[in-house]
Amino acid sequence: MQAYASLAHAQAPNPPPEPQDATAVQEVTVSAQRLSLIGSAATASEGVVVNDELALTPAYRPGQLLETVPGLAVTSHSGEGKANQYLLRGYNLDHGTDLATFVDGMPVNEPTHAHGQGYTDLNFMIPELATNIRYSKGPYYATEGDFASVGAVHIGYLDRIEDQVALAVGTFGFERLFSAGSTALGKGNALGALELQHYDGPWVSPDDQRKINAVVRYSEGDERDGYSLTAMFYHGLWNATTDQPERAVAEGLIGRFGTLDPSDGGQAQRESLTGQFFRTLGEGRLTLSVYVFGNHLSLWNDFTHELIDPVNGDQEEQHEDRIASGGALGYLRSTELLGFSSDLAAGVQVRR
């Protein structure tokens, strides 16, 4: 700073006087929440995206909220209803293979999925309810379990929200109705939310995405001493413009936004019940999460068109239908070990 000031003084020894009628510059305060992690974050590869930043993030697609994680790119292919593509630290994580994702304590990645290992469909998440996205990057966190070799993302849900009804209409057939509210009930808070959405996209064969999301939640206390119970329901239908041959576009058979098979698409449904429990125990913190969910997906893809079967075509169906249940129990305590301030953690995860 001193060298720069000296150089500037040498170049302009007699700066012109400031005009008398110059207006005063208004003071602006800028705060960076992620810089206040000294003492709470072990490395620069972890952090928390706070509510203020999430509230300023436009997201017509739920997965876009994850792009608030530094370096994480979230995109889509094969229709709006399909799980997103994730890219982080130079890795193409496909539909979530190596990015462990949790919503309200419930793991979203699905092992041995019909379409792809670790399939992570976030269409059941309502963006307005997301809070304090906690992330970590790198294979250094044993507590994250499977799928976290490149990173992990934990998305919380609000306990309270202002009563509201919002209707949005946009280009490419985008239509969305959102309604939510909460009220004090007993010693805690009850919250309800409903989302209806339709979206065509820029395609010659419209995506015609139709989805419904519903959430009912009851919570008491906070993340130190408290608990929550959350029920969610999601149902979606969509058409899909998938990979198209470059020569079909070059020869004029279809346009850039066209498709050789407009019958590609999918339908999905997910219902879940999750519970979280937090308690200060001795000098440490006990956390417990349990969940049960049903996931159903049917995809119709035609990636090779008529290469294998020139008579009937190559379209295939991938079907996923399962019920999963499980939970996680953990205990964290701050202590001093060999003269160093340390955190001791122990826990177990189970899933069926």
Protein backbone atom coordinates (compact mmCIF):
# COMPACT_ATOMS: atom_id res chain seq x y z
CA MET A 1 0.00 0.00 0.00
CA GLN A 2 2.84 2.41 0.79
CA ALA A 3 4.65 1.65 -2.48
CA TYR A 4 1.47 2.29 -4.43
CA ALA A 5 0.89 5.58 -2.64
CA SER A 6 4.45 6.71 -3.35
CA LEU A 7 4.12 5.86 -7.02
CA ALA A 8 0.86 7.71 -7.30
CA HIS A 9 2.41 10.74 -5.63
CA ALA A 10 5.35 10.71 -8.07
CA GLN A 11 3.05 10.60 -11.07
CA ALA A 12 0.71 13.32 -9.81
CA PRO A 13 2.60 15.69 -7.50
CA ASN A 14 -0.05 18.40 -7.76
CA PRO A 15 -3.49 16.78 -7.90
CA PRO A 16 -6.28 19.17 -8.89
CA PRO A 17 -8.43 20.43 -6.02
CA GLU A 18 -11.72 18.67 -5.44
CA PRO A 19 -14.72 20.63 -6.77
CA GLN A 20 -16.57 22.53 -4.09
CA ASP A 21 -19.95 21.17 -5.14
CA ALA A 22 -18.91 17.50 -5.06
CA THR A 23 -21.53 15.35 -3.37
CA ALA A 24 -20.54 13.30 -0.34
CA VAL A 25 -20.10 9.58 -0.91
CA GLN A 26 -22.58 7.54 1.07
CA GLU A 27 -21.02 5.01 3.42
CA VAL A 28 -21.68 1.38 2.45
CA THR A 29 -21.08 -1.54 4.80
CA VAL A 30 -20.22 -4.89 3.18
CA SER A 31 -20.18 -8.03 5.29
CA ALA A 32 -18.85 -11.44 4.22
CA GLN A 33 -20.42 -14.15 6.32
CA ARG A 34 -18.11 -16.91 5.12
CA LEU A 35 -15.06 -15.05 6.43
CA SER A 36 -16.27 -15.37 10.02
CA LEU A 37 -15.38 -19.04 10.27
CA ILE A 38 -12.09 -18.80 12.18
CA GLY A 39 -12.34 -21.17 15.10
CA SER A 40 -15.34 -23.01 13.65
CA ALA A 41 -14.12 -24.18 10.24
CA ALA A 42 -11.23 -26.64 10.20
CA THR A 43 -10.14 -25.80 6.63
CA ALA A 44 -10.92 -23.44 3.76
CA SER A 45 -12.76 -26.34 2.11
CA GLU A 46 -15.80 -26.06 4.37
CA GLY A 47 -18.29 -23.37 5.19
CA VAL A 48 -21.91 -22.31 5.52
CA VAL A 49 -24.07 -20.41 3.01
CA VAL A 50 -26.31 -18.27 5.22
CA ASN A 51 -29.94 -17.37 4.70
CA ASP A 52 -29.24 -13.82 3.51
CA GLU A 53 -27.34 -15.14 0.51
CA LEU A 54 -29.90 -17.84 -0.25
CA ALA A 55 -32.68 -15.24 -0.22
CA LEU A 56 -30.88 -13.29 -2.96
CA THR A 57 -30.35 -16.35 -5.18
CA PRO A 58 -32.91 -16.71 -8.00
CA ALA A 59 -33.68 -20.40 -8.41
CA TYR A 60 -36.47 -21.71 -10.63
CA ARG A 61 -34.67 -25.07 -10.43
CA PRO A 62 -34.05 -26.28 -6.83
CA GLY A 63 -30.56 -27.56 -7.62
CA GLN A 64 -29.47 -24.02 -8.47
CA LEU A 65 -29.32 -23.25 -4.75
CA LEU A 66 -26.29 -25.55 -4.55
CA GLU A 67 -24.38 -23.20 -6.84
CA THR A 68 -23.94 -20.97 -3.79
CA VAL A 69 -21.29 -23.52 -2.77
CA PRO A 70 -17.99 -22.10 -4.10
CA GLY A 71 -16.82 -23.95 -7.21
CA LEU A 72 -19.92 -26.14 -7.57
CA ALA A 73 -21.70 -26.00 -10.94
CA VAL A 74 -25.20 -27.42 -11.33
CA THR A 75 -26.77 -28.01 -14.74
CA SER A 76 -29.42 -30.19 -16.35
CA HIS A 77 -30.05 -32.49 -19.28
CA SER A 78 -32.88 -34.74 -20.45
CA GLY A 79 -35.69 -32.57 -19.19
CA GLU A 80 -36.41 -30.43 -16.16
CA GLY A 81 -37.73 -33.30 -14.05
CA LYS A 82 -34.55 -35.34 -14.15
CA ALA A 83 -31.82 -35.08 -11.50
CA ASN A 84 -29.22 -32.37 -12.09
CA GLN A 85 -25.64 -32.77 -13.29
CA TYR A 86 -23.02 -31.69 -10.75
CA LEU A 87 -19.46 -30.55 -11.44
CA LEU A 88 -16.92 -29.78 -8.70
CA ARG A 89 -13.12 -29.50 -8.52
CA GLY A 90 -12.67 -30.74 -12.08
CA TYR A 91 -14.91 -33.78 -11.59
CA ASN A 92 -18.06 -34.54 -13.54
CA LEU A 93 -20.13 -35.95 -10.69
CA ASP A 94 -22.89 -37.06 -13.06
CA HIS A 95 -26.16 -37.10 -11.08
CA GLY A 96 -24.42 -36.95 -7.70
CA THR A 97 -22.14 -40.00 -7.65
CA ASP A 98 -19.44 -38.36 -5.49
CA LEU A 99 -21.35 -35.44 -3.97
CA ALA A 100 -23.14 -36.54 -0.79
CA THR A 101 -26.31 -34.47 -0.41
CA PHE A 102 -28.65 -34.28 2.60
CA VAL A 103 -31.94 -32.44 3.05
CA ASP A 104 -33.22 -32.03 6.60
CA GLY A 105 -30.89 -34.82 7.72
CA MET A 106 -32.12 -37.24 5.03
CA PRO A 107 -29.60 -38.59 2.47
CA VAL A 108 -30.69 -37.94 -1.12
CA ASN A 109 -28.08 -40.02 -3.02
CA GLU A 110 -29.42 -43.44 -3.93
CA PRO A 111 -27.09 -46.43 -4.26
CA THR A 112 -27.60 -48.94 -7.11
CA HIS A 113 -30.13 -46.62 -8.73
CA ALA A 114 -31.71 -47.70 -12.02
CA HIS A 115 -30.29 -44.68 -13.87
CA GLY A 116 -27.02 -43.99 -12.08
CA GLN A 117 -25.12 -44.73 -8.87
CA GLY A 118 -25.76 -42.01 -6.28
CA TYR A 119 -28.70 -40.51 -8.22
CA THR A 120 -29.55 -37.20 -6.51
CA ASP A 121 -32.92 -35.75 -7.46
CA LEU A 122 -33.63 -32.48 -5.61
CA ASN A 123 -36.90 -31.64 -7.36
CA PHE A 124 -38.73 -32.43 -4.12
CA MET A 125 -36.97 -29.54 -2.36
CA ILE A 126 -38.74 -26.17 -2.12
CA PRO A 127 -36.11 -23.39 -2.47
CA GLU A 128 -37.87 -20.94 -0.13
CA LEU A 129 -37.62 -23.42 2.75
CA ALA A 130 -33.86 -24.04 2.46
CA THR A 131 -31.63 -22.58 5.15
CA ASN A 132 -27.94 -22.55 6.09
CA ILE A 133 -26.40 -24.78 3.44
CA ARG A 134 -23.37 -26.42 5.07
CA TYR A 135 -20.73 -27.77 2.70
CA SER A 136 -17.37 -29.53 2.68
CA LYS A 137 -15.05 -30.36 -0.21
CA GLY A 138 -12.45 -33.11 -0.43
CA PRO A 139 -12.26 -36.71 0.90
CA TYR A 140 -11.42 -35.71 4.47
CA TYR A 141 -14.72 -36.16 6.30
CA ALA A 142 -15.47 -39.65 7.56
CA THR A 143 -18.75 -38.42 9.08
CA GLU A 144 -20.22 -37.86 5.60
CA GLY A 145 -20.15 -41.55 4.71
CA ASP A 146 -20.62 -42.86 1.19
CA PHE A 147 -20.67 -40.64 -1.93
CA ALA A 148 -18.61 -37.83 -0.31
CA SER A 149 -15.25 -38.45 -1.98
CA VAL A 150 -15.40 -35.05 -3.74
CA GLY A 151 -17.77 -33.11 -1.49
CA ALA A 152 -20.86 -33.02 0.70
CA VAL A 153 -23.79 -30.61 1.07
CA HIS A 154 -26.26 -30.41 3.98
CA ILE A 155 -29.44 -28.39 3.44
CA GLY A 156 -31.57 -27.45 6.43
CA TYR A 157 -35.25 -26.52 6.44
CA LEU A 158 -36.78 -23.47 8.10
CA ASP A 159 -38.80 -23.81 11.29
CA ARG A 160 -40.75 -20.61 10.65
CA ILE A 161 -41.72 -18.66 7.54
CA GLU A 162 -43.86 -15.60 6.91
CA ASP A 163 -47.35 -16.32 5.63
CA GLN A 164 -47.28 -15.77 1.89
CA VAL A 165 -48.74 -16.59 -1.51
CA ALA A 166 -46.68 -15.94 -4.65
CA LEU A 167 -47.56 -16.41 -8.32
CA ALA A 168 -44.79 -16.23 -10.93
CA VAL A 169 -45.13 -16.26 -14.73
CA GLY A 170 -42.17 -16.16 -17.12
CA THR A 171 -40.91 -17.01 -20.58
CA PHE A 172 -40.93 -20.47 -22.15
CA GLY A 173 -44.16 -21.37 -20.39
CA PHE A 174 -42.86 -20.94 -16.85
CA GLU A 175 -45.68 -20.82 -14.28
CA ARG A 176 -45.34 -21.27 -10.52
CA LEU A 177 -47.61 -20.96 -7.50
CA PHE A 178 -46.07 -21.01 -4.04
CA SER A 179 -47.84 -20.76 -0.71
CA ALA A 180 -46.43 -21.17 2.79
CA GLY A 181 -47.02 -20.18 6.39
CA SER A 182 -46.26 -21.12 9.98
CA THR A 183 -47.83 -20.71 13.39
CA ALA A 184 -47.01 -21.37 17.02
CA LEU A 185 -48.37 -24.71 18.16
CA GLY A 186 -47.81 -26.00 21.66
CA LYS A 187 -44.19 -25.33 22.61
CA GLY A 188 -43.04 -25.34 18.99
CA ASN A 189 -43.92 -24.22 15.48
CA ALA A 190 -45.98 -25.81 12.73
CA LEU A 191 -45.11 -25.01 9.11
CA GLY A 192 -46.83 -25.85 5.84
CA ALA A 193 -45.87 -25.18 2.22
CA LEU A 194 -47.24 -25.98 -1.23
CA GLU A 195 -45.59 -25.56 -4.64
CA LEU A 196 -47.11 -26.04 -8.11
CA GLN A 197 -44.95 -25.52 -11.19
CA HIS A 198 -45.10 -25.84 -14.99
CA TYR A 199 -42.25 -25.21 -17.43
CA ASP A 200 -41.83 -25.85 -21.17
CA GLY A 201 -38.29 -24.67 -21.84
CA PRO A 202 -36.99 -23.48 -25.23
CA TRP A 203 -37.48 -26.84 -26.99
CA VAL A 204 -39.45 -27.60 -30.15
CA SER A 205 -41.05 -30.44 -28.19
CA PRO A 206 -41.93 -28.66 -24.90
CA ASP A 207 -40.72 -30.19 -21.64
CA ASP A 208 -44.23 -29.62 -20.26
CA GLN A 209 -42.89 -30.16 -16.75
CA ARG A 210 -45.67 -30.44 -14.18
CA LYS A 211 -44.78 -30.87 -10.54
CA ILE A 212 -46.33 -30.58 -7.10
CA ASN A 213 -44.51 -30.30 -3.78
CA ALA A 214 -46.04 -30.30 -0.32
CA VAL A 215 -44.35 -30.01 3.09
CA VAL A 216 -45.69 -30.21 6.65
CA ARG A 217 -43.23 -29.64 9.51
CA TYR A 218 -43.30 -29.37 13.28
CA SER A 219 -40.28 -28.22 15.28
CA GLU A 220 -39.34 -27.22 18.81
CA GLY A 221 -36.13 -25.71 20.18
CA ASP A 222 -33.01 -25.25 18.06
CA GLU A 223 -29.95 -27.13 16.78
CA ARG A 224 -28.48 -27.28 20.30
CA ASP A 225 -31.55 -28.60 22.13
CA GLY A 226 -34.61 -29.38 20.07
CA TYR A 227 -36.25 -31.64 17.53
CA SER A 228 -38.20 -31.59 14.27
CA LEU A 229 -40.54 -33.83 12.29
CA THR A 230 -41.03 -33.23 8.55
CA ALA A 231 -43.30 -34.88 5.99
CA MET A 232 -42.74 -34.22 2.27
CA PHE A 233 -44.50 -35.24 -0.95
CA TYR A 234 -43.38 -34.70 -4.55
CA HIS A 235 -44.84 -35.76 -7.90
CA GLY A 236 -43.53 -34.75 -11.33
CA LEU A 237 -44.11 -35.43 -15.04
CA TRP A 238 -42.07 -34.14 -17.98
CA ASN A 239 -41.01 -34.62 -21.58
CA ALA A 240 -37.31 -34.63 -22.44
CA THR A 241 -35.12 -33.44 -25.29
CA THR A 242 -32.06 -35.65 -24.82
CA ASP A 243 -28.78 -36.02 -26.74
CA GLN A 244 -29.28 -35.52 -30.49
CA PRO A 245 -26.93 -36.51 -33.37
CA GLU A 246 -24.90 -33.55 -34.61
CA ARG A 247 -25.34 -34.69 -38.21
CA ALA A 248 -29.14 -34.57 -37.80
CA VAL A 249 -28.85 -30.87 -37.01
CA ALA A 250 -26.24 -30.28 -39.76
CA GLU A 251 -28.43 -31.99 -42.36
CA GLY A 252 -31.50 -30.01 -41.33
CA LEU A 253 -33.53 -32.97 -40.05
CA ILE A 254 -34.06 -31.13 -36.77
CA GLY A 255 -33.19 -27.70 -35.45
CA ARG A 256 -30.83 -26.91 -32.60
CA PHE A 257 -33.67 -27.28 -30.10
CA GLY A 258 -35.37 -30.18 -31.86
CA THR A 259 -35.55 -33.91 -31.16
CA LEU A 260 -35.78 -37.09 -33.19
CA ASP A 261 -37.92 -38.75 -30.52
CA PRO A 262 -40.44 -36.46 -28.77
CA SER A 263 -41.74 -39.38 -26.68
CA ASP A 264 -38.68 -39.30 -24.37
CA GLY A 265 -39.50 -38.18 -20.85
CA GLY A 266 -40.13 -39.34 -17.33
CA GLN A 267 -42.25 -39.34 -14.22
CA ALA A 268 -41.15 -39.28 -10.59
CA GLN A 269 -42.65 -39.42 -7.14
CA ARG A 270 -41.16 -39.21 -3.67
CA GLU A 271 -42.72 -39.26 -0.23
CA SER A 272 -40.73 -39.04 2.99
CA LEU A 273 -40.89 -38.65 6.77
CA THR A 274 -37.82 -37.39 8.62
CA GLY A 275 -37.02 -36.65 12.24
CA GLN A 276 -34.10 -34.87 13.89
CA PHE A 277 -33.17 -34.66 17.56
CA PHE A 278 -30.51 -32.44 19.15
CA ARG A 279 -29.39 -32.46 22.77
CA THR A 280 -26.55 -31.05 24.83
CA LEU A 281 -25.09 -34.05 26.65
CA GLY A 282 -22.40 -33.38 29.21
CA GLU A 283 -19.76 -31.22 27.52
CA GLY A 284 -20.72 -32.37 24.05
CA ARG A 285 -23.59 -32.42 21.56
CA LEU A 286 -25.71 -35.41 20.61
CA THR A 287 -27.46 -35.54 17.23
CA LEU A 288 -29.92 -38.11 15.94
CA SER A 289 -31.65 -38.26 12.57
CA VAL A 290 -34.06 -40.90 11.26
CA TYR A 291 -35.88 -41.16 7.95
CA VAL A 292 -38.05 -43.30 5.74
CA PHE A 293 -38.87 -42.48 2.12
CA GLY A 294 -40.35 -44.00 -0.99
CA ASN A 295 -38.85 -43.14 -4.37
CA HIS A 296 -40.35 -43.95 -7.75
CA LEU A 297 -38.94 -43.04 -11.16
CA SER A 298 -39.57 -44.05 -14.76
CA LEU A 299 -37.33 -42.68 -17.53
CA TRP A 300 -37.76 -43.16 -21.27
CA ASN A 301 -34.50 -42.52 -23.16
CA ASP A 302 -33.58 -42.96 -26.83
CA PHE A 303 -29.86 -42.18 -26.98
CA THR A 304 -29.00 -44.36 -30.02
CA HIS A 305 -32.33 -43.81 -31.87
CA GLU A 306 -32.42 -46.57 -34.55
CA LEU A 307 -28.87 -47.87 -34.37
CA ILE A 308 -29.71 -51.24 -32.75
CA ASP A 309 -33.30 -51.75 -33.91
CA PRO A 310 -33.99 -49.83 -37.15
CA VAL A 311 -37.59 -51.11 -37.24
CA ASN A 312 -38.87 -50.38 -33.72
CA GLY A 313 -36.25 -47.92 -32.51
CA ASP A 314 -33.93 -48.10 -29.50
CA GLN A 315 -35.93 -46.33 -26.82
CA GLU A 316 -35.54 -47.94 -23.39
CA GLU A 317 -37.28 -47.58 -20.03
CA GLN A 318 -35.44 -47.38 -16.73
CA HIS A 319 -37.63 -47.98 -13.68
CA GLU A 320 -36.82 -47.34 -10.02
CA ASP A 321 -39.19 -48.22 -7.18
CA ARG A 322 -37.92 -48.57 -3.62
CA ILE A 323 -38.52 -47.80 0.03
CA ALA A 324 -35.50 -46.82 2.12
CA SER A 325 -35.14 -46.27 5.85
CA GLY A 326 -32.25 -45.46 8.14
CA GLY A 327 -30.68 -42.99 10.48
CA ALA A 328 -27.52 -41.53 11.94
CA LEU A 329 -26.37 -41.06 15.54
CA GLY A 330 -23.42 -38.83 16.40
CA TYR A 331 -21.70 -37.24 19.38
CA LEU A 332 -19.28 -34.31 19.18
CA ARG A 333 -17.17 -32.95 22.02
CA SER A 334 -14.52 -30.24 22.08
CA THR A 335 -11.49 -31.08 24.21
CA GLU A 336 -7.74 -30.70 24.46
CA LEU A 337 -5.63 -33.54 23.09
CA LEU A 338 -1.81 -33.54 23.40
CA GLY A 339 -1.88 -29.82 24.00
CA PHE A 340 -4.05 -29.02 20.98
CA SER A 341 -7.66 -27.90 20.91
CA SER A 342 -9.50 -30.79 19.25
CA ASP A 343 -12.95 -32.08 18.41
CA LEU A 344 -13.69 -35.71 19.16
CA ALA A 345 -16.51 -37.20 17.10
CA ALA A 346 -18.09 -40.64 17.15
CA GLY A 347 -21.11 -41.93 15.33
CA VAL A 348 -22.84 -44.57 13.25
CA GLN A 349 -24.99 -44.54 10.11
CA VAL A 350 -27.44 -47.26 9.14
CA ARG A 351 -29.57 -47.71 6.03
CA ARG A 352 -31.84 -50.38 4.65
